[in-house]
């Protein structure tokens, strides 16, 4: 197997893994937050945030690294524009993660909030 094929396979594997994680979290894990209860919620959210980091960081790094490597080692028959589009979409996902989801989880580490999914407005705690 060539290096390019290995890079591509690692990229596809990391991407599919992350898709599965996101579906699981959205469909199963987040709805269960409602059953935790307000007294245990802070500890539960902190544990969720700490543990999910170990699950998502390695594949996110592999996905990012391989997306860049694919630009350098382009698979035969794949137009460069598609690799740039893929990298752009990945950067959008990372931007959303760091500037939308992470701040919402940081809010939830302070305790249960039924409005945590709504962006905070200036002056609103």
PDB file of N, CA and C in Angstrom:
ATOM      1  N   UNK A   1       0.856  -1.179   0.000  1.00  0.00           N
ATOM      2  CA  UNK A   1       0.000   0.000   0.000  1.00  0.00           C
ATOM      3  C   UNK A   1       0.900   1.238   0.000  1.00  0.00           C
ATOM      4  N   UNK A   2       0.543   2.219  -0.811  1.00  0.00           N
ATOM      5  CA  UNK A   2       1.362   3.424  -0.912  1.00  0.00           C
ATOM      6  C   UNK A   2       1.102   4.364   0.261  1.00  0.00           C
ATOM      7  N   UNK A   3       2.027   5.280   0.450  1.00  0.00           N
ATOM      8  CA  UNK A   3       1.894   6.281   1.514  1.00  0.00           C
ATOM      9  C   UNK A   3       0.630   7.111   1.307  1.00  0.00           C
ATOM     10  N   UNK A   4       0.361   7.482   0.063  1.00  0.00           N
ATOM     11  CA  UNK A   4      -0.823   8.293  -0.232  1.00  0.00           C
ATOM     12  C   UNK A   4      -2.093   7.543   0.167  1.00  0.00           C
ATOM     13  N   UNK A   5      -2.144   6.260  -0.133  1.00  0.00           N
ATOM     14  CA  UNK A   5      -3.322   5.463   0.235  1.00  0.00           C
ATOM     15  C   UNK A   5      -3.465   5.362   1.750  1.00  0.00           C
ATOM     16  N   UNK A   6      -2.345   5.220   2.450  1.00  0.00           N
ATOM     17  CA  UNK A   6      -2.390   5.162   3.916  1.00  0.00           C
ATOM     18  C   UNK A   6      -2.889   6.484   4.510  1.00  0.00           C
ATOM     19  N   UNK A   7      -2.417   7.588   3.969  1.00  0.00           N
ATOM     20  CA  UNK A   7      -2.872   8.909   4.433  1.00  0.00           C
ATOM     21  C   UNK A   7      -4.363   9.047   4.194  1.00  0.00           C
ATOM     22  N   UNK A   8      -4.793   8.677   2.986  1.00  0.00           N
ATOM     23  CA  UNK A   8      -6.215   8.774   2.635  1.00  0.00           C
ATOM     24  C   UNK A   8      -7.060   7.879   3.544  1.00  0.00           C
ATOM     25  N   UNK A   9      -6.615   6.643   3.774  1.00  0.00           N
ATOM     26  CA  UNK A   9      -7.341   5.717   4.637  1.00  0.00           C
ATOM     27  C   UNK A   9      -7.421   6.241   6.072  1.00  0.00           C
ATOM     28  N   UNK A  10      -6.332   6.786   6.576  1.00  0.00           N
ATOM     29  CA  UNK A  10      -6.335   7.366   7.927  1.00  0.00           C
ATOM     30  C   UNK A  10      -7.309   8.540   7.998  1.00  0.00           C
ATOM     31  N   UNK A  11      -7.333   9.349   6.954  1.00  0.00           N
ATOM     32  CA  UNK A  11      -8.236  10.505   6.925  1.00  0.00           C
ATOM     33  C   UNK A  11      -9.697  10.056   6.913  1.00  0.00           C
ATOM     34  N   UNK A  12     -10.027   9.124   6.043  1.00  0.00           N
ATOM     35  CA  UNK A  12     -11.407   8.629   5.959  1.00  0.00           C
ATOM     36  C   UNK A  12     -11.818   7.965   7.266  1.00  0.00           C
ATOM     37  N   UNK A  13     -10.927   7.181   7.853  1.00  0.00           N
ATOM     38  CA  UNK A  13     -11.230   6.499   9.117  1.00  0.00           C
ATOM     39  C   UNK A  13     -11.498   7.505  10.231  1.00  0.00           C
ATOM     40  N   UNK A  14     -10.632   8.513  10.349  1.00  0.00           N
ATOM     41  CA  UNK A  14     -10.818   9.535  11.388  1.00  0.00           C
ATOM     42  C   UNK A  14     -12.116  10.308  11.164  1.00  0.00           C
ATOM     43  N   UNK A  15     -12.401  10.639   9.912  1.00  0.00           N
ATOM     44  CA  UNK A  15     -13.617  11.385   9.591  1.00  0.00           C
ATOM     45  C   UNK A  15     -14.863  10.570   9.926  1.00  0.00           C
ATOM     46  N   UNK A  16     -14.888   9.310   9.527  1.00  0.00           N
ATOM     47  CA  UNK A  16     -16.046   8.464   9.824  1.00  0.00           C
ATOM     48  C   UNK A  16     -16.189   8.232  11.325  1.00  0.00           C
ATOM     49  N   UNK A  17     -15.080   8.059  12.028  1.00  0.00           N
ATOM     50  CA  UNK A  17     -15.127   7.908  13.478  1.00  0.00           C
ATOM     51  C   UNK A  17     -15.753   9.148  14.120  1.00  0.00           C
ATOM     52  N   UNK A  18     -15.301  10.338  13.701  1.00  0.00           N
ATOM     53  CA  UNK A  18     -15.841  11.569  14.266  1.00  0.00           C
ATOM     54  C   UNK A  18     -17.325  11.734  13.940  1.00  0.00           C
ATOM     55  N   UNK A  19     -17.737  11.335  12.736  1.00  0.00           N
ATOM     56  CA  UNK A  19     -19.169  11.383  12.398  1.00  0.00           C
ATOM     57  C   UNK A  19     -19.969  10.502  13.346  1.00  0.00           C
ATOM     58  N   UNK A  20     -19.451   9.307  13.628  1.00  0.00           N
ATOM     59  CA  UNK A  20     -20.128   8.413  14.557  1.00  0.00           C
ATOM     60  C   UNK A  20     -20.205   8.977  15.962  1.00  0.00           C
ATOM     61  N   UNK A  21     -19.117   9.563  16.419  1.00  0.00           N
ATOM     62  CA  UNK A  21     -19.093  10.166  17.761  1.00  0.00           C
ATOM     63  C   UNK A  21     -20.126  11.291  17.843  1.00  0.00           C
ATOM     64  N   UNK A  22     -20.148  12.147  16.846  1.00  0.00           N
ATOM     65  CA  UNK A  22     -21.079  13.284  16.863  1.00  0.00           C
ATOM     66  C   UNK A  22     -22.529  12.793  16.843  1.00  0.00           C
ATOM     67  N   UNK A  23     -22.833  11.821  16.014  1.00  0.00           N
ATOM     68  CA  UNK A  23     -24.200  11.279  15.985  1.00  0.00           C
ATOM     69  C   UNK A  23     -24.569  10.696  17.346  1.00  0.00           C
ATOM     70  N   UNK A  24     -23.677   9.926  17.928  1.00  0.00           N
ATOM     71  CA  UNK A  24     -23.945   9.322  19.235  1.00  0.00           C
ATOM     72  C   UNK A  24     -24.200  10.403  20.287  1.00  0.00           C
ATOM     73  N   UNK A  25     -23.333  11.391  20.334  1.00  0.00           N
ATOM     74  CA  UNK A  25     -23.460  12.445  21.334  1.00  0.00           C
ATOM     75  C   UNK A  25     -24.768  13.210  21.133  1.00  0.00           C
ATOM     76  N   UNK A  26     -25.097  13.545  19.888  1.00  0.00           N
ATOM     77  CA  UNK A  26     -26.311  14.318  19.614  1.00  0.00           C
ATOM     78  C   UNK A  26     -27.587  13.524  19.876  1.00  0.00           C
ATOM     79  N   UNK A  27     -27.601  12.252  19.492  1.00  0.00           N
ATOM     80  CA  UNK A  27     -28.824  11.455  19.570  1.00  0.00           C
ATOM     81  C   UNK A  27     -29.006  10.791  20.934  1.00  0.00           C
ATOM     82  N   UNK A  28     -27.912  10.397  21.571  1.00  0.00           N
ATOM     83  CA  UNK A  28     -28.016   9.649  22.827  1.00  0.00           C
ATOM     84  C   UNK A  28     -27.561  10.470  24.028  1.00  0.00           C
ATOM     85  N   UNK A  29     -26.349  10.966  23.961  1.00  0.00           N
ATOM     86  CA  UNK A  29     -25.726  11.551  25.142  1.00  0.00           C
ATOM     87  C   UNK A  29     -26.356  12.884  25.569  1.00  0.00           C
ATOM     88  N   UNK A  30     -26.491  13.820  24.643  1.00  0.00           N
ATOM     89  CA  UNK A  30     -27.049  15.121  25.027  1.00  0.00           C
ATOM     90  C   UNK A  30     -28.484  15.021  25.554  1.00  0.00           C
ATOM     91  N   UNK A  31     -29.365  14.238  24.935  1.00  0.00           N
ATOM     92  CA  UNK A  31     -30.714  14.127  25.517  1.00  0.00           C
ATOM     93  C   UNK A  31     -30.708  13.579  26.941  1.00  0.00           C
ATOM     94  N   UNK A  32     -29.722  12.749  27.277  1.00  0.00           N
ATOM     95  CA  UNK A  32     -29.651  12.202  28.633  1.00  0.00           C
ATOM     96  C   UNK A  32     -29.242  13.252  29.666  1.00  0.00           C
ATOM     97  N   UNK A  33     -28.688  14.369  29.218  1.00  0.00           N
ATOM     98  CA  UNK A  33     -28.355  15.454  30.151  1.00  0.00           C
ATOM     99  C   UNK A  33     -29.579  15.876  30.954  1.00  0.00           C
ATOM    100  N   UNK A  34     -30.753  15.805  30.336  1.00  0.00           N
ATOM    101  CA  UNK A  34     -31.977  16.230  31.009  1.00  0.00           C
ATOM    102  C   UNK A  34     -32.340  15.333  32.194  1.00  0.00           C
ATOM    103  N   UNK A  35     -31.804  14.124  32.234  1.00  0.00           N
ATOM    104  CA  UNK A  35     -32.132  13.181  33.302  1.00  0.00           C
ATOM    105  C   UNK A  35     -31.144  13.195  34.463  1.00  0.00           C
ATOM    106  N   UNK A  36     -30.137  14.025  34.383  1.00  0.00           N
ATOM    107  CA  UNK A  36     -29.091  14.021  35.406  1.00  0.00           C
ATOM    108  C   UNK A  36     -29.578  14.645  36.709  1.00  0.00           C
ATOM    109  N   UNK A  37     -30.333  15.697  36.612  1.00  0.00           N
ATOM    110  CA  UNK A  37     -30.763  16.407  37.817  1.00  0.00           C
ATOM    111  C   UNK A  37     -29.839  17.580  38.092  1.00  0.00           C
ATOM    112  N   UNK A  38     -30.395  18.639  38.653  1.00  0.00           N
ATOM    113  CA  UNK A  38     -29.629  19.873  38.827  1.00  0.00           C
ATOM    114  C   UNK A  38     -28.523  19.749  39.873  1.00  0.00           C
ATOM    115  N   UNK A  39     -28.717  18.915  40.889  1.00  0.00           N
ATOM    116  CA  UNK A  39     -27.688  18.830  41.931  1.00  0.00           C
ATOM    117  C   UNK A  39     -26.443  18.089  41.453  1.00  0.00           C
ATOM    118  N   UNK A  40     -26.603  17.123  40.570  1.00  0.00           N
ATOM    119  CA  UNK A  40     -25.454  16.364  40.064  1.00  0.00           C
ATOM    120  C   UNK A  40     -24.933  16.907  38.734  1.00  0.00           C
ATOM    121  N   UNK A  41     -25.624  17.875  38.147  1.00  0.00           N
ATOM    122  CA  UNK A  41     -25.315  18.281  36.787  1.00  0.00           C
ATOM    123  C   UNK A  41     -23.905  18.835  36.618  1.00  0.00           C
ATOM    124  N   UNK A  42     -23.479  19.664  37.533  1.00  0.00           N
ATOM    125  CA  UNK A  42     -22.157  20.283  37.415  1.00  0.00           C
ATOM    126  C   UNK A  42     -21.061  19.220  37.346  1.00  0.00           C
ATOM    127  N   UNK A  43     -21.108  18.251  38.225  1.00  0.00           N
ATOM    128  CA  UNK A  43     -20.108  17.175  38.232  1.00  0.00           C
ATOM    129  C   UNK A  43     -20.223  16.326  36.961  1.00  0.00           C
ATOM    130  N   UNK A  44     -21.455  16.074  36.536  1.00  0.00           N
ATOM    131  CA  UNK A  44     -21.672  15.277  35.326  1.00  0.00           C
ATOM    132  C   UNK A  44     -21.105  15.990  34.099  1.00  0.00           C
ATOM    133  N   UNK A  45     -21.382  17.267  33.958  1.00  0.00           N
ATOM    134  CA  UNK A  45     -20.891  18.038  32.812  1.00  0.00           C
ATOM    135  C   UNK A  45     -19.366  18.124  32.822  1.00  0.00           C
ATOM    136  N   UNK A  46     -18.786  18.343  33.993  1.00  0.00           N
ATOM    137  CA  UNK A  46     -17.322  18.392  34.072  1.00  0.00           C
ATOM    138  C   UNK A  46     -16.707  17.053  33.669  1.00  0.00           C
ATOM    139  N   UNK A  47     -17.308  15.961  34.117  1.00  0.00           N
ATOM    140  CA  UNK A  47     -16.809  14.635  33.734  1.00  0.00           C
ATOM    141  C   UNK A  47     -16.985  14.420  32.229  1.00  0.00           C
ATOM    142  N   UNK A  48     -18.137  14.825  31.703  1.00  0.00           N
ATOM    143  CA  UNK A  48     -18.376  14.701  30.261  1.00  0.00           C
ATOM    144  C   UNK A  48     -17.309  15.457  29.475  1.00  0.00           C
ATOM    145  N   UNK A  49     -17.074  16.685  29.842  1.00  0.00           N
ATOM    146  CA  UNK A  49     -16.104  17.524  29.127  1.00  0.00           C
ATOM    147  C   UNK A  49     -14.704  16.918  29.195  1.00  0.00           C
ATOM    148  N   UNK A  50     -14.308  16.466  30.369  1.00  0.00           N
ATOM    149  CA  UNK A  50     -12.968  15.891  30.530  1.00  0.00           C
ATOM    150  C   UNK A  50     -12.815  14.575  29.761  1.00  0.00           C
ATOM    151  N   UNK A  51     -13.825  13.715  29.830  1.00  0.00           N
ATOM    152  CA  UNK A  51     -13.724  12.397  29.194  1.00  0.00           C
ATOM    153  C   UNK A  51     -13.882  12.461  27.673  1.00  0.00           C
ATOM    154  N   UNK A  52     -14.760  13.315  27.184  1.00  0.00           N
ATOM    155  CA  UNK A  52     -14.972  13.402  25.737  1.00  0.00           C
ATOM    156  C   UNK A  52     -13.718  13.926  25.039  1.00  0.00           C
ATOM    157  N   UNK A  53     -12.940  14.729  25.749  1.00  0.00           N
ATOM    158  CA  UNK A  53     -11.692  15.251  25.188  1.00  0.00           C
ATOM    159  C   UNK A  53     -10.758  14.112  24.800  1.00  0.00           C
ATOM    160  N   UNK A  54     -10.682  13.077  25.635  1.00  0.00           N
ATOM    161  CA  UNK A  54      -9.824  11.925  25.340  1.00  0.00           C
ATOM    162  C   UNK A  54     -10.328  11.141  24.129  1.00  0.00           C
ATOM    163  N   UNK A  55     -11.627  11.178  23.884  1.00  0.00           N
ATOM    164  CA  UNK A  55     -12.205  10.441  22.753  1.00  0.00           C
ATOM    165  C   UNK A  55     -12.026  11.197  21.444  1.00  0.00           C
ATOM    166  N   UNK A  56     -12.212  12.515  21.456  1.00  0.00           N
ATOM    167  CA  UNK A  56     -12.233  13.265  20.194  1.00  0.00           C
ATOM    168  C   UNK A  56     -10.899  13.874  19.777  1.00  0.00           C
ATOM    169  N   UNK A  57     -10.001  14.132  20.715  1.00  0.00           N
ATOM    170  CA  UNK A  57      -8.748  14.802  20.348  1.00  0.00           C
ATOM    171  C   UNK A  57      -7.888  13.991  19.380  1.00  0.00           C
ATOM    172  N   UNK A  58      -7.600  12.715  19.644  1.00  0.00           N
ATOM    173  CA  UNK A  58      -6.755  11.982  18.688  1.00  0.00           C
ATOM    174  C   UNK A  58      -7.325  11.935  17.259  1.00  0.00           C
ATOM    175  N   UNK A  59      -8.618  11.567  17.067  1.00  0.00           N
ATOM    176  CA  UNK A  59      -9.102  11.545  15.685  1.00  0.00           C
ATOM    177  C   UNK A  59      -9.187  12.935  15.052  1.00  0.00           C
ATOM    178  N   UNK A  60      -9.445  13.959  15.848  1.00  0.00           N
ATOM    179  CA  UNK A  60      -9.453  15.317  15.291  1.00  0.00           C
ATOM    180  C   UNK A  60      -8.066  15.696  14.783  1.00  0.00           C
ATOM    181  N   UNK A  61      -7.042  15.369  15.552  1.00  0.00           N
ATOM    182  CA  UNK A  61      -5.674  15.670  15.132  1.00  0.00           C
ATOM    183  C   UNK A  61      -5.282  14.867  13.895  1.00  0.00           C
ATOM    184  N   UNK A  62      -5.655  13.596  13.871  1.00  0.00           N
ATOM    185  CA  UNK A  62      -5.374  12.758  12.694  1.00  0.00           C
ATOM    186  C   UNK A  62      -6.101  13.307  11.476  1.00  0.00           C
ATOM    187  N   UNK A  63      -7.358  13.675  11.660  1.00  0.00           N
ATOM    188  CA  UNK A  63      -8.152  14.210  10.552  1.00  0.00           C
ATOM    189  C   UNK A  63      -7.539  15.499  10.009  1.00  0.00           C
ATOM    190  N   UNK A  64      -7.120  16.388  10.894  1.00  0.00           N
ATOM    191  CA  UNK A  64      -6.504  17.645  10.460  1.00  0.00           C
ATOM    192  C   UNK A  64      -5.165  17.431   9.781  1.00  0.00           C
ATOM    193  N   UNK A  65      -4.322  16.614  10.389  1.00  0.00           N
ATOM    194  CA  UNK A  65      -3.007  16.342   9.817  1.00  0.00           C
ATOM    195  C   UNK A  65      -3.127  15.688   8.445  1.00  0.00           C
ATOM    196  N   UNK A  66      -3.986  14.685   8.336  1.00  0.00           N
ATOM    197  CA  UNK A  66      -4.122  13.996   7.059  1.00  0.00           C
ATOM    198  C   UNK A  66      -4.769  14.871   5.996  1.00  0.00           C
ATOM    199  N   UNK A  67      -5.665  15.780   6.386  1.00  0.00           N
ATOM    200  CA  UNK A  67      -6.247  16.710   5.406  1.00  0.00           C
ATOM    201  C   UNK A  67      -5.158  17.577   4.789  1.00  0.00           C
ATOM    202  N   UNK A  68      -4.223  18.032   5.613  1.00  0.00           N
ATOM    203  CA  UNK A  68      -3.105  18.835   5.108  1.00  0.00           C
ATOM    204  C   UNK A  68      -2.155  17.972   4.278  1.00  0.00           C
ATOM    205  N   UNK A  69      -1.850  16.776   4.759  1.00  0.00           N
ATOM    206  CA  UNK A  69      -0.952  15.873   4.027  1.00  0.00           C
ATOM    207  C   UNK A  69      -1.514  15.499   2.655  1.00  0.00           C
ATOM    208  N   UNK A  70      -2.833  15.375   2.561  1.00  0.00           N
ATOM    209  CA  UNK A  70      -3.438  15.047   1.273  1.00  0.00           C
ATOM    210  C   UNK A  70      -3.239  16.166   0.244  1.00  0.00           C
ATOM    211  N   UNK A  71      -3.108  17.391   0.706  1.00  0.00           N
ATOM    212  CA  UNK A  71      -2.795  18.489  -0.217  1.00  0.00           C
ATOM    213  C   UNK A  71      -1.382  18.333  -0.764  1.00  0.00           C
ATOM    214  N   UNK A  72      -0.505  17.821   0.052  1.00  0.00           N
ATOM    215  CA  UNK A  72       0.896  17.650  -0.307  1.00  0.00           C
ATOM    216  C   UNK A  72       1.092  16.362  -1.111  1.00  0.00           C
ATOM    217  N   UNK A  73       0.398  15.302  -0.705  1.00  0.00           N
ATOM    218  CA  UNK A  73       0.463  14.002  -1.367  1.00  0.00           C
ATOM    219  C   UNK A  73      -0.918  13.670  -1.931  1.00  0.00           C
ATOM    220  N   UNK A  74      -1.285  14.349  -3.008  1.00  0.00           N
ATOM    221  CA  UNK A  74      -2.633  14.224  -3.567  1.00  0.00           C
ATOM    222  C   UNK A  74      -2.845  12.850  -4.196  1.00  0.00           C
ATOM    223  N   UNK A  75      -3.961  12.198  -3.832  1.00  0.00           N
ATOM    224  CA  UNK A  75      -4.279  10.915  -4.469  1.00  0.00           C
ATOM    225  C   UNK A  75      -4.530  11.108  -5.969  1.00  0.00           C
ATOM    226  N   UNK A  76      -4.098  10.139  -6.736  1.00  0.00           N
ATOM    227  CA  UNK A  76      -4.291  10.196  -8.177  1.00  0.00           C
ATOM    228  C   UNK A  76      -5.782  10.244  -8.499  1.00  0.00           C
ATOM    229  N   UNK A  77      -6.142  11.138  -9.406  1.00  0.00           N
ATOM    230  CA  UNK A  77      -7.525  11.259  -9.835  1.00  0.00           C
ATOM    231  C   UNK A  77      -8.385  12.164  -8.969  1.00  0.00           C
ATOM    232  N   UNK A  78      -7.824  12.734  -7.927  1.00  0.00           N
ATOM    233  CA  UNK A  78      -8.584  13.637  -7.048  1.00  0.00           C
ATOM    234  C   UNK A  78      -8.132  15.067  -7.346  1.00  0.00           C
ATOM    235  N   UNK A  79      -9.069  15.884  -7.770  1.00  0.00           N
ATOM    236  CA  UNK A  79      -8.754  17.282  -8.074  1.00  0.00           C
ATOM    237  C   UNK A  79      -8.379  18.021  -6.790  1.00  0.00           C
ATOM    238  N   UNK A  80      -7.382  18.864  -6.892  1.00  0.00           N
ATOM    239  CA  UNK A  80      -6.888  19.622  -5.727  1.00  0.00           C
ATOM    240  C   UNK A  80      -7.984  20.469  -5.098  1.00  0.00           C
ATOM    241  N   UNK A  81      -8.930  20.939  -5.920  1.00  0.00           N
ATOM    242  CA  UNK A  81     -10.001  21.787  -5.365  1.00  0.00           C
ATOM    243  C   UNK A  81     -10.842  21.021  -4.339  1.00  0.00           C
ATOM    244  N   UNK A  82     -11.018  19.715  -4.540  1.00  0.00           N
ATOM    245  CA  UNK A  82     -11.806  18.939  -3.584  1.00  0.00           C
ATOM    246  C   UNK A  82     -11.076  18.769  -2.254  1.00  0.00           C
ATOM    247  N   UNK A  83      -9.774  18.677  -2.322  1.00  0.00           N
ATOM    248  CA  UNK A  83      -8.986  18.590  -1.087  1.00  0.00           C
ATOM    249  C   UNK A  83      -9.043  19.914  -0.328  1.00  0.00           C
ATOM    250  N   UNK A  84      -8.998  21.040  -1.038  1.00  0.00           N
ATOM    251  CA  UNK A  84      -9.128  22.348  -0.390  1.00  0.00           C
ATOM    252  C   UNK A  84     -10.523  22.536   0.193  1.00  0.00           C
ATOM    253  N   UNK A  85     -11.530  22.085  -0.537  1.00  0.00           N
ATOM    254  CA  UNK A  85     -12.904  22.163  -0.013  1.00  0.00           C
ATOM    255  C   UNK A  85     -13.017  21.331   1.266  1.00  0.00           C
ATOM    256  N   UNK A  86     -12.461  20.119   1.244  1.00  0.00           N
ATOM    257  CA  UNK A  86     -12.490  19.266   2.435  1.00  0.00           C
ATOM    258  C   UNK A  86     -11.802  19.910   3.620  1.00  0.00           C
ATOM    259  N   UNK A  87     -10.632  20.487   3.376  1.00  0.00           N
ATOM    260  CA  UNK A  87      -9.917  21.166   4.458  1.00  0.00           C
ATOM    261  C   UNK A  87     -10.718  22.369   4.953  1.00  0.00           C
ATOM    262  N   UNK A  88     -11.323  23.110   4.035  1.00  0.00           N
ATOM    263  CA  UNK A  88     -12.145  24.256   4.430  1.00  0.00           C
ATOM    264  C   UNK A  88     -13.330  23.842   5.295  1.00  0.00           C
ATOM    265  N   UNK A  89     -13.995  22.757   4.917  1.00  0.00           N
ATOM    266  CA  UNK A  89     -15.116  22.260   5.718  1.00  0.00           C
ATOM    267  C   UNK A  89     -14.648  21.800   7.096  1.00  0.00           C
ATOM    268  N   UNK A  90     -13.507  21.143   7.134  1.00  0.00           N
ATOM    269  CA  UNK A  90     -12.954  20.710   8.419  1.00  0.00           C
ATOM    270  C   UNK A  90     -12.637  21.909   9.303  1.00  0.00           C
ATOM    271  N   UNK A  91     -12.069  22.950   8.727  1.00  0.00           N
ATOM    272  CA  UNK A  91     -11.769  24.163   9.507  1.00  0.00           C
ATOM    273  C   UNK A  91     -13.049  24.820  10.012  1.00  0.00           C
ATOM    274  N   UNK A  92     -14.118  24.783   9.207  1.00  0.00           N
ATOM    275  CA  UNK A  92     -15.407  25.318   9.665  1.00  0.00           C
ATOM    276  C   UNK A  92     -15.932  24.517  10.861  1.00  0.00           C
ATOM    277  N   UNK A  93     -15.793  23.204  10.800  1.00  0.00           N
ATOM    278  CA  UNK A  93     -16.232  22.350  11.908  1.00  0.00           C
ATOM    279  C   UNK A  93     -15.419  22.670  13.162  1.00  0.00           C
ATOM    280  N   UNK A  94     -14.103  22.810  13.005  1.00  0.00           N
ATOM    281  CA  UNK A  94     -13.259  23.134  14.157  1.00  0.00           C
ATOM    282  C   UNK A  94     -13.607  24.514  14.708  1.00  0.00           C
ATOM    283  N   UNK A  95     -13.859  25.465  13.837  1.00  0.00           N
ATOM    284  CA  UNK A  95     -14.256  26.808  14.277  1.00  0.00           C
ATOM    285  C   UNK A  95     -15.537  26.713  15.102  1.00  0.00           C
ATOM    286  N   UNK A  96     -16.518  25.966  14.597  1.00  0.00           N
ATOM    287  CA  UNK A  96     -17.776  25.779  15.322  1.00  0.00           C
ATOM    288  C   UNK A  96     -17.532  25.112  16.671  1.00  0.00           C
ATOM    289  N   UNK A  97     -16.672  24.114  16.682  1.00  0.00           N
ATOM    290  CA  UNK A  97     -16.366  23.416  17.935  1.00  0.00           C
ATOM    291  C   UNK A  97     -15.786  24.376  18.962  1.00  0.00           C
ATOM    292  N   UNK A  98     -14.757  25.130  18.573  1.00  0.00           N
ATOM    293  CA  UNK A  98     -14.043  25.980  19.524  1.00  0.00           C
ATOM    294  C   UNK A  98     -14.800  27.242  19.908  1.00  0.00           C
ATOM    295  N   UNK A  99     -15.615  27.779  18.993  1.00  0.00           N
ATOM    296  CA  UNK A  99     -16.263  29.056  19.271  1.00  0.00           C
ATOM    297  C   UNK A  99     -17.764  28.970  19.519  1.00  0.00           C
ATOM    298  N   UNK A 100     -18.348  27.769  19.405  1.00  0.00           N
ATOM    299  CA  UNK A 100     -19.766  27.588  19.734  1.00  0.00           C
ATOM    300  C   UNK A 100     -19.926  26.504  20.810  1.00  0.00           C
ATOM    301  N   UNK A 101     -19.520  25.268  20.493  1.00  0.00           N
ATOM    302  CA  UNK A 101     -19.762  24.170  21.423  1.00  0.00           C
ATOM    303  C   UNK A 101     -18.929  24.270  22.707  1.00  0.00           C
ATOM    304  N   UNK A 102     -17.646  24.571  22.583  1.00  0.00           N
ATOM    305  CA  UNK A 102     -16.805  24.664  23.790  1.00  0.00           C
ATOM    306  C   UNK A 102     -17.314  25.757  24.740  1.00  0.00           C
ATOM    307  N   UNK A 103     -17.636  26.972  24.258  1.00  0.00           N
ATOM    308  CA  UNK A 103     -18.184  27.965  25.190  1.00  0.00           C
ATOM    309  C   UNK A 103     -19.500  27.523  25.852  1.00  0.00           C
ATOM    310  N   UNK A 104     -20.340  26.788  25.114  1.00  0.00           N
ATOM    311  CA  UNK A 104     -21.590  26.312  25.717  1.00  0.00           C
ATOM    312  C   UNK A 104     -21.297  25.291  26.819  1.00  0.00           C
ATOM    313  N   UNK A 105     -20.356  24.417  26.569  1.00  0.00           N
ATOM    314  CA  UNK A 105     -19.994  23.440  27.612  1.00  0.00           C
ATOM    315  C   UNK A 105     -19.332  24.140  28.796  1.00  0.00           C
ATOM    316  N   UNK A 106     -18.567  25.171  28.539  1.00  0.00           N
ATOM    317  CA  UNK A 106     -17.979  25.937  29.645  1.00  0.00           C
ATOM    318  C   UNK A 106     -19.072  26.559  30.504  1.00  0.00           C
ATOM    319  N   UNK A 107     -20.141  27.054  29.869  1.00  0.00           N
ATOM    320  CA  UNK A 107     -21.281  27.576  30.636  1.00  0.00           C
ATOM    321  C   UNK A 107     -21.899  26.480  31.490  1.00  0.00           C
ATOM    322  N   UNK A 108     -22.032  25.299  30.901  1.00  0.00           N
ATOM    323  CA  UNK A 108     -22.680  24.199  31.623  1.00  0.00           C
ATOM    324  C   UNK A 108     -21.835  23.691  32.785  1.00  0.00           C
ATOM    325  N   UNK A 109     -20.524  23.925  32.772  1.00  0.00           N
ATOM    326  CA  UNK A 109     -19.700  23.500  33.906  1.00  0.00           C
ATOM    327  C   UNK A 109     -20.039  24.286  35.170  1.00  0.00           C
ATOM    328  N   UNK A 110     -20.751  25.404  35.011  1.00  0.00           N
ATOM    329  CA  UNK A 110     -21.176  26.194  36.171  1.00  0.00           C
ATOM    330  C   UNK A 110     -22.469  25.663  36.771  1.00  0.00           C
ATOM    331  N   UNK A 111     -23.147  24.754  36.042  1.00  0.00           N
ATOM    332  CA  UNK A 111     -24.400  24.185  36.517  1.00  0.00           C
ATOM    333  C   UNK A 111     -25.408  24.116  35.393  1.00  0.00           C
ATOM    334  N   UNK A 112     -26.517  23.438  35.660  1.00  0.00           N
ATOM    335  CA  UNK A 112     -27.557  23.240  34.659  1.00  0.00           C
ATOM    336  C   UNK A 112     -28.123  24.574  34.185  1.00  0.00           C
ATOM    337  N   UNK A 113     -28.324  24.681  32.883  1.00  0.00           N
ATOM    338  CA  UNK A 113     -28.967  25.849  32.294  1.00  0.00           C
ATOM    339  C   UNK A 113     -29.830  25.392  31.130  1.00  0.00           C
ATOM    340  N   UNK A 114     -31.154  25.577  31.217  1.00  0.00           N
ATOM    341  CA  UNK A 114     -32.011  25.165  30.098  1.00  0.00           C
ATOM    342  C   UNK A 114     -31.793  26.035  28.865  1.00  0.00           C
ATOM    343  N   UNK A 115     -31.083  27.145  29.012  1.00  0.00           N
ATOM    344  CA  UNK A 115     -30.865  28.065  27.902  1.00  0.00           C
ATOM    345  C   UNK A 115     -29.426  28.018  27.390  1.00  0.00           C
ATOM    346  N   UNK A 116     -28.660  27.013  27.771  1.00  0.00           N
ATOM    347  CA  UNK A 116     -27.251  26.954  27.379  1.00  0.00           C
ATOM    348  C   UNK A 116     -27.064  26.852  25.874  1.00  0.00           C
ATOM    349  N   UNK A 117     -28.068  26.326  25.168  1.00  0.00           N
ATOM    350  CA  UNK A 117     -27.935  26.215  23.731  1.00  0.00           C
ATOM    351  C   UNK A 117     -28.080  27.573  23.051  1.00  0.00           C
ATOM    352  N   UNK A 118     -28.587  28.560  23.758  1.00  0.00           N
ATOM    353  CA  UNK A 118     -28.740  29.895  23.181  1.00  0.00           C
ATOM    354  C   UNK A 118     -27.464  30.694  23.416  1.00  0.00           C
ATOM    355  N   UNK A 119     -26.957  31.391  22.389  1.00  0.00           N
ATOM    356  CA  UNK A 119     -25.744  32.187  22.580  1.00  0.00           C
ATOM    357  C   UNK A 119     -25.965  33.266  23.632  1.00  0.00           C
ATOM    358  N   UNK A 120     -24.941  33.483  24.453  1.00  0.00           N
ATOM    359  CA  UNK A 120     -25.014  34.537  25.475  1.00  0.00           C
ATOM    360  C   UNK A 120     -24.921  35.897  24.819  1.00  0.00           C
ATOM    361  N   UNK A 121     -25.737  36.806  25.273  1.00  0.00           N
ATOM    362  CA  UNK A 121     -25.647  38.186  24.811  1.00  0.00           C
ATOM    363  C   UNK A 121     -24.828  38.990  25.803  1.00  0.00           C
ATOM    364  N   UNK A 122     -24.161  40.036  25.336  1.00  0.00           N
ATOM    365  CA  UNK A 122     -23.378  40.866  26.271  1.00  0.00           C
ATOM    366  C   UNK A 122     -24.229  41.323  27.437  1.00  0.00           C
ATOM    367  N   UNK A 123     -23.672  41.229  28.629  1.00  0.00           N
ATOM    368  CA  UNK A 123     -24.371  41.678  29.832  1.00  0.00           C
ATOM    369  C   UNK A 123     -25.296  40.641  30.413  1.00  0.00           C
ATOM    370  N   UNK A 124     -25.446  39.489  29.752  1.00  0.00           N
ATOM    371  CA  UNK A 124     -26.343  38.436  30.233  1.00  0.00           C
ATOM    372  C   UNK A 124     -25.524  37.293  30.803  1.00  0.00           C
ATOM    373  N   UNK A 125     -25.778  36.896  32.011  1.00  0.00           N
ATOM    374  CA  UNK A 125     -25.022  35.814  32.657  1.00  0.00           C
ATOM    375  C   UNK A 125     -25.807  34.543  32.670  1.00  0.00           C
TER     376      UNK A 125
END
